């Protein structure tokens, strides 16, 4: 039996199928009580696979619960399910229908099994999410204070209050950054050091790649990582008359892409392979953005090779394999 799961903040819908026959469709609370009721609902049926659509933070708790109970789990990108629904010409959009489609997608496509992230990885992800929120708040306050000052006068006491808030945010940001650094050093010290040896890869881009890929352990080649991050190019062409711009598919994680974009800006200056690639593409008339995406993918290729070979960046070796 295969089970498709569509999760939301408060509920998850489950569709269990055997062959082409639907065994049951039920909705459960997205909490421990609901998880246990799900186990009772399927206890007399052998489960081949539970396939869950990734929905932000809402699917993770249930996926970890199933992993602890020794189920085979696949976690699939929602855009993959959307494309599958379009292929099946399904127009209805309900949680019950989605779980049905997820179950049949799993039956037909047999997605790879999911590997649960480590405790350190989960902690780093949460801390990094909170860190970004603090930085956004700090930028908003700083911009607002600058706007007030540019008008020539600030309400008495307000400037001091806002400056104190910015200073407090700076302190909190430093504390979170130190916590992340401690976790990285305690759990991923070697691979983090190896990745940071690549010109352009800094602390944040290193740990973002590590926690997003479980240290590249669940990938067979760098192209899979590129697709996972949503950086694979998509070409738009039909016949001889329709030729669109080449774009990235954006089916992966926007925050990882943003971090790697900044890494690529540095790599264009200091990583010879990346610099040569960027200049070659620009000479051929490619846009800055397209050339930069190519550099990001080159950094991923270098990172994957270094992680898999358990080594450090060496210019001659990288140039030979680039």
Protein backbone atom coordinates (compact mmCIF):
# COMPACT_ATOMS: atom_id res chain seq x y z
CA UNK A 1 0.00 0.00 0.00
CA UNK A 2 1.19 3.52 -0.86
CA UNK A 3 0.03 6.59 1.03
CA UNK A 4 -0.01 10.15 -0.32
CA UNK A 5 0.08 12.99 2.22
CA UNK A 6 -0.85 16.64 1.70
CA UNK A 7 -0.03 18.77 4.75
CA UNK A 8 -1.16 22.19 5.89
CA UNK A 9 -0.72 24.17 9.09
CA UNK A 10 -3.52 22.44 11.04
CA UNK A 11 -4.35 19.27 9.12
CA UNK A 12 -2.98 16.66 6.76
CA UNK A 13 -4.96 14.64 4.24
CA UNK A 14 -4.00 11.03 3.55
CA UNK A 15 -4.95 8.85 0.60
CA UNK A 16 -3.96 5.17 0.72
CA UNK A 17 -3.95 3.16 -2.50
CA UNK A 18 -3.27 -0.42 -3.46
CA UNK A 19 -2.79 -0.86 -7.18
CA UNK A 20 -5.34 1.47 -8.76
CA UNK A 21 -7.79 1.11 -5.88
CA UNK A 22 -8.24 3.73 -3.15
CA UNK A 23 -8.23 2.03 0.26
CA UNK A 24 -9.13 5.10 2.30
CA UNK A 25 -9.04 8.90 2.33
CA UNK A 26 -8.99 10.64 5.69
CA UNK A 27 -8.02 13.94 7.28
CA UNK A 28 -6.01 14.12 10.51
CA UNK A 29 -4.84 16.90 12.82
CA UNK A 30 -1.27 17.95 12.09
CA UNK A 31 -0.05 17.17 15.60
CA UNK A 32 1.07 14.16 17.64
CA UNK A 33 -2.52 13.11 18.33
CA UNK A 34 -3.27 13.12 14.61
CA UNK A 35 -0.04 11.26 13.86
CA UNK A 36 -1.01 8.46 16.23
CA UNK A 37 -4.53 8.27 14.76
CA UNK A 38 -2.92 7.88 11.35
CA UNK A 39 -0.88 4.94 12.66
CA UNK A 40 -4.06 3.30 13.95
CA UNK A 41 -5.77 3.81 10.59
CA UNK A 42 -3.06 1.92 8.72
CA UNK A 43 -1.93 -0.58 11.37
CA UNK A 44 -3.39 -3.65 9.62
CA UNK A 45 -1.93 -2.78 6.21
CA UNK A 46 1.69 -3.17 5.11
CA UNK A 47 2.93 0.22 3.88
CA UNK A 48 5.37 0.25 0.99
CA UNK A 49 5.87 4.02 0.93
CA UNK A 50 4.53 7.25 2.44
CA UNK A 51 4.95 10.14 0.00
CA UNK A 52 4.66 13.65 1.44
CA UNK A 53 4.48 16.93 -0.44
CA UNK A 54 7.01 19.41 0.99
CA UNK A 55 5.04 22.38 2.32
CA UNK A 56 7.38 24.76 4.08
CA UNK A 57 7.74 23.81 7.76
CA UNK A 58 4.42 21.97 8.00
CA UNK A 59 5.48 18.58 6.64
CA UNK A 60 8.72 18.17 8.58
CA UNK A 61 7.33 17.22 11.98
CA UNK A 62 5.19 14.44 10.50
CA UNK A 63 8.05 13.23 8.29
CA UNK A 64 10.32 12.96 11.34
CA UNK A 65 7.57 11.10 13.24
CA UNK A 66 7.22 8.58 10.40
CA UNK A 67 10.99 8.20 10.19
CA UNK A 68 11.15 7.39 13.90
CA UNK A 69 8.49 4.72 13.31
CA UNK A 70 10.59 3.13 10.52
CA UNK A 71 8.44 4.01 7.52
CA UNK A 72 9.87 4.44 4.01
CA UNK A 73 9.30 8.12 3.22
CA UNK A 74 9.65 10.28 0.15
CA UNK A 75 9.37 14.06 0.31
CA UNK A 76 8.59 15.66 -3.05
CA UNK A 77 8.67 19.23 -4.27
CA UNK A 78 5.15 20.73 -4.64
CA UNK A 79 6.00 21.94 -8.15
CA UNK A 80 6.67 18.34 -9.15
CA UNK A 81 3.17 17.41 -7.99
CA UNK A 82 1.75 20.45 -9.80
CA UNK A 83 3.39 19.33 -13.05
CA UNK A 84 2.11 15.80 -12.49
CA UNK A 85 -1.43 17.11 -11.97
CA UNK A 86 -1.18 19.13 -15.19
CA UNK A 87 0.01 16.04 -17.06
CA UNK A 88 -3.02 14.16 -15.73
CA UNK A 89 -5.23 17.13 -16.73
CA UNK A 90 -6.51 17.44 -13.16
CA UNK A 91 -8.17 20.79 -12.54
CA UNK A 92 -9.58 20.28 -9.05
CA UNK A 93 -7.51 21.81 -6.25
CA UNK A 94 -8.41 20.40 -2.82
CA UNK A 95 -6.28 18.83 -0.11
CA UNK A 96 -8.15 15.53 -0.58
CA UNK A 97 -7.50 15.58 -4.34
CA UNK A 98 -3.87 16.57 -3.81
CA UNK A 99 -3.20 13.62 -1.50
CA UNK A 100 -4.79 11.36 -4.13
CA UNK A 101 -2.44 12.72 -6.82
CA UNK A 102 0.58 12.41 -4.52
CA UNK A 103 -0.22 8.73 -3.89
CA UNK A 104 -0.49 7.91 -7.60
CA UNK A 105 2.61 9.99 -8.37
CA UNK A 106 4.54 7.88 -5.85
CA UNK A 107 3.15 4.67 -7.37
CA UNK A 108 4.13 5.63 -10.92
CA UNK A 109 7.36 7.58 -10.41
CA UNK A 110 8.86 5.77 -7.39
CA UNK A 111 10.62 8.83 -5.89
CA UNK A 112 13.82 8.45 -3.90
CA UNK A 113 13.60 7.76 -0.20
CA UNK A 114 14.01 10.70 2.15
CA UNK A 115 16.87 10.89 4.63
CA UNK A 116 16.03 12.67 7.87
CA UNK A 117 18.26 15.67 8.63
CA UNK A 118 20.49 15.50 11.69
CA UNK A 119 19.60 17.34 14.90
CA UNK A 120 22.43 19.80 14.29
CA UNK A 121 21.16 20.44 10.77
CA UNK A 122 17.65 21.20 12.06
CA UNK A 123 19.04 23.56 14.71
CA UNK A 124 21.18 25.41 12.17
CA UNK A 125 18.20 25.81 9.82
CA UNK A 126 16.03 27.26 12.56
CA UNK A 127 18.75 29.60 13.76
CA UNK A 128 19.48 30.75 10.20
CA UNK A 129 15.78 31.44 9.58
CA UNK A 130 15.64 33.52 12.77
CA UNK A 131 18.89 35.25 11.80
CA UNK A 132 17.43 36.38 8.48
CA UNK A 133 14.34 37.73 10.24
CA UNK A 134 16.52 39.77 12.63
CA UNK A 135 18.57 41.13 9.74
CA UNK A 136 15.44 42.15 7.84
CA UNK A 137 14.16 43.94 10.94
CA UNK A 138 17.49 45.69 11.38
CA UNK A 139 17.56 46.85 7.73
CA UNK A 140 13.99 48.13 8.00
CA UNK A 141 14.80 50.13 11.14
CA UNK A 142 18.03 51.52 9.69
CA UNK A 143 16.29 52.58 6.47
CA UNK A 144 13.47 54.20 8.39
CA UNK A 145 15.87 56.10 10.64
CA UNK A 146 17.80 57.29 7.58
CA UNK A 147 14.55 58.49 6.01
CA UNK A 148 13.62 60.40 9.18
CA UNK A 149 17.05 62.04 9.33
CA UNK A 150 16.91 63.03 5.65
CA UNK A 151 13.82 65.13 6.41
CA UNK A 152 15.93 67.31 8.67
CA UNK A 153 14.44 66.49 12.05
CA UNK A 154 13.52 63.45 14.12
CA UNK A 155 10.95 63.43 16.93
CA UNK A 156 12.67 64.02 20.26
CA UNK A 157 13.82 60.73 21.78
CA UNK A 158 12.87 58.66 18.73
CA UNK A 159 16.34 58.66 17.15
CA UNK A 160 17.92 57.38 20.36
CA UNK A 161 15.23 54.73 20.77
CA UNK A 162 15.68 53.47 17.21
CA UNK A 163 19.47 53.44 17.53
CA UNK A 164 19.14 51.39 20.74
CA UNK A 165 16.87 48.94 18.93
CA UNK A 166 19.38 48.61 16.09
CA UNK A 167 22.22 48.05 18.57
CA UNK A 168 20.17 45.37 20.36
CA UNK A 169 19.45 43.67 17.04
CA UNK A 170 23.17 43.74 16.23
CA UNK A 171 23.90 42.01 19.53
CA UNK A 172 21.23 39.37 18.90
CA UNK A 173 22.53 38.80 15.37
CA UNK A 174 26.05 38.23 16.71
CA UNK A 175 24.74 35.74 19.29
CA UNK A 176 22.88 33.73 16.64
CA UNK A 177 25.91 33.77 14.34
CA UNK A 178 28.09 32.47 17.19
CA UNK A 179 25.59 29.68 17.93
CA UNK A 180 25.57 28.64 14.27
CA UNK A 181 29.37 28.69 14.18
CA UNK A 182 29.56 26.46 17.27
CA UNK A 183 27.12 23.96 15.74
CA UNK A 184 28.99 23.92 12.43
CA UNK A 185 32.33 23.42 14.17
CA UNK A 186 30.99 20.62 16.37
CA UNK A 187 29.15 18.68 13.66
CA UNK A 188 30.56 19.70 10.26
CA UNK A 189 34.01 21.09 11.00
CA UNK A 190 35.92 19.12 8.37
CA UNK A 191 33.53 19.50 5.44
CA UNK A 192 32.92 23.16 6.30
CA UNK A 193 36.66 23.82 6.24
CA UNK A 194 37.00 22.00 2.94
CA UNK A 195 34.20 24.01 1.31
CA UNK A 196 35.53 27.31 2.67
CA UNK A 197 38.87 26.57 1.00
CA UNK A 198 37.14 27.28 -2.33
CA UNK A 199 37.61 30.96 -3.26
CA UNK A 200 34.15 32.53 -3.04
CA UNK A 201 32.66 30.11 -0.50
CA UNK A 202 32.33 31.69 2.94
CA UNK A 203 30.90 30.56 6.26
CA UNK A 204 27.25 31.04 5.36
CA UNK A 205 27.36 29.54 1.87
CA UNK A 206 29.28 26.56 3.26
CA UNK A 207 26.84 25.73 6.04
CA UNK A 208 23.80 26.45 3.86
CA UNK A 209 24.97 23.87 1.33
CA UNK A 210 25.88 21.37 4.06
CA UNK A 211 22.57 21.47 5.92
CA UNK A 212 20.51 21.61 2.71
CA UNK A 213 22.13 18.50 1.26
CA UNK A 214 23.11 16.54 4.38
CA UNK A 215 26.72 17.08 3.39
CA UNK A 216 25.95 16.06 -0.22
CA UNK A 217 25.43 12.50 1.04
CA UNK A 218 22.07 12.00 -0.67
CA UNK A 219 23.21 13.06 -4.16
CA UNK A 220 25.00 11.02 -6.81
CA UNK A 221 26.25 13.93 -8.92
CA UNK A 222 26.49 17.70 -8.86
CA UNK A 223 23.74 18.13 -11.48
CA UNK A 224 21.24 16.71 -8.99
CA UNK A 225 22.32 19.36 -6.47
CA UNK A 226 21.90 22.11 -9.07
CA UNK A 227 18.36 20.92 -9.81
CA UNK A 228 17.59 20.57 -6.10
CA UNK A 229 18.62 24.19 -5.49
CA UNK A 230 16.49 25.33 -8.45
CA UNK A 231 19.44 26.48 -10.53
CA UNK A 232 19.06 24.24 -13.57
CA UNK A 233 18.63 26.31 -16.76
CA UNK A 234 15.36 26.03 -18.68
CA UNK A 235 15.35 26.72 -22.40
CA UNK A 236 12.25 28.10 -24.12
CA UNK A 237 12.07 27.23 -27.81
CA UNK A 238 9.34 25.93 -30.08
CA UNK A 239 10.02 25.46 -33.77
CA UNK A 240 11.85 28.34 -35.39
CA UNK A 241 9.68 31.23 -34.27
CA UNK A 242 9.38 30.93 -30.48
CA UNK A 243 12.67 31.49 -28.71
CA UNK A 244 12.48 32.74 -25.15
CA UNK A 245 15.22 33.67 -22.74
CA UNK A 246 17.05 30.93 -20.89
CA UNK A 247 16.04 31.07 -17.24
CA UNK A 248 16.59 29.01 -14.12
CA UNK A 249 13.72 26.74 -13.09
CA UNK A 250 13.52 28.06 -9.47
CA UNK A 251 12.16 24.77 -8.14
CA UNK A 252 14.54 24.78 -5.22
CA UNK A 253 15.31 26.98 -2.22
CA UNK A 254 15.37 30.73 -2.71
CA UNK A 255 17.50 31.46 0.36
CA UNK A 256 20.20 29.04 -0.74
CA UNK A 257 20.17 30.60 -4.22
CA UNK A 258 20.49 34.10 -2.76
CA UNK A 259 23.45 33.06 -0.60
CA UNK A 260 25.18 31.33 -3.50
CA UNK A 261 24.61 34.36 -5.71
CA UNK A 262 26.65 36.47 -3.29
CA UNK A 263 29.30 33.74 -3.19
CA UNK A 264 29.46 33.85 -7.01
CA UNK A 265 30.07 37.62 -6.98
CA UNK A 266 33.17 37.00 -4.86
CA UNK A 267 34.22 33.96 -6.90
CA UNK A 268 34.19 35.99 -10.13
CA UNK A 269 36.94 38.12 -8.59
CA UNK A 270 39.06 35.52 -6.77
CA UNK A 271 38.31 32.04 -8.17
CA UNK A 272 40.27 31.67 -11.42
CA UNK A 273 38.05 28.98 -12.90
CA UNK A 274 34.92 30.97 -12.14
CA UNK A 275 36.45 34.22 -13.36
CA UNK A 276 37.50 32.63 -16.66
CA UNK A 277 34.03 31.10 -17.11
CA UNK A 278 32.27 34.40 -16.42
CA UNK A 279 34.50 36.37 -18.81
CA UNK A 280 34.16 33.74 -21.54
CA UNK A 281 30.37 33.83 -21.36
CA UNK A 282 30.25 37.63 -21.29
CA UNK A 283 32.54 37.75 -24.34
CA UNK A 284 30.05 35.50 -26.14
CA UNK A 285 27.34 38.04 -25.42
CA UNK A 286 25.63 36.28 -22.51
CA UNK A 287 23.96 38.47 -19.91
CA UNK A 288 25.50 39.20 -16.51
CA UNK A 289 22.76 37.20 -14.77
CA UNK A 290 23.16 34.14 -16.99
CA UNK A 291 26.95 34.21 -16.60
CA UNK A 292 26.59 34.56 -12.81
CA UNK A 293 24.22 31.57 -12.66
CA UNK A 294 26.84 29.58 -14.58
CA UNK A 295 29.40 30.59 -11.94
CA UNK A 296 27.07 29.49 -9.15
CA UNK A 297 26.72 26.10 -10.80
CA UNK A 298 30.50 25.90 -11.17
CA UNK A 299 30.86 26.57 -7.43
CA UNK A 300 28.36 23.78 -6.73
CA UNK A 301 30.35 21.45 -8.98
CA UNK A 302 33.59 22.33 -7.16
CA UNK A 303 31.91 21.96 -3.76
CA UNK A 304 30.43 18.58 -4.66
CA UNK A 305 33.80 17.29 -5.90
CA UNK A 306 35.62 18.46 -2.79
CA UNK A 307 32.98 17.03 -0.43
CA UNK A 308 32.88 13.65 -2.20
CA UNK A 309 36.68 13.39 -2.43
CA UNK A 310 37.13 14.57 1.18
CA UNK A 311 39.82 17.03 0.20
CA UNK A 312 40.62 20.74 0.06
CA UNK A 313 40.64 23.16 -2.86
CA UNK A 314 43.73 22.91 -5.02
CA UNK A 315 43.98 25.25 -7.99
CA UNK A 316 45.74 22.85 -10.38
CA UNK A 317 43.45 19.93 -9.54
CA UNK A 318 40.28 22.02 -9.87
CA UNK A 319 41.44 23.48 -13.18
CA UNK A 320 42.00 19.99 -14.56
CA UNK A 321 38.56 18.73 -13.53
CA UNK A 322 36.58 21.94 -14.14
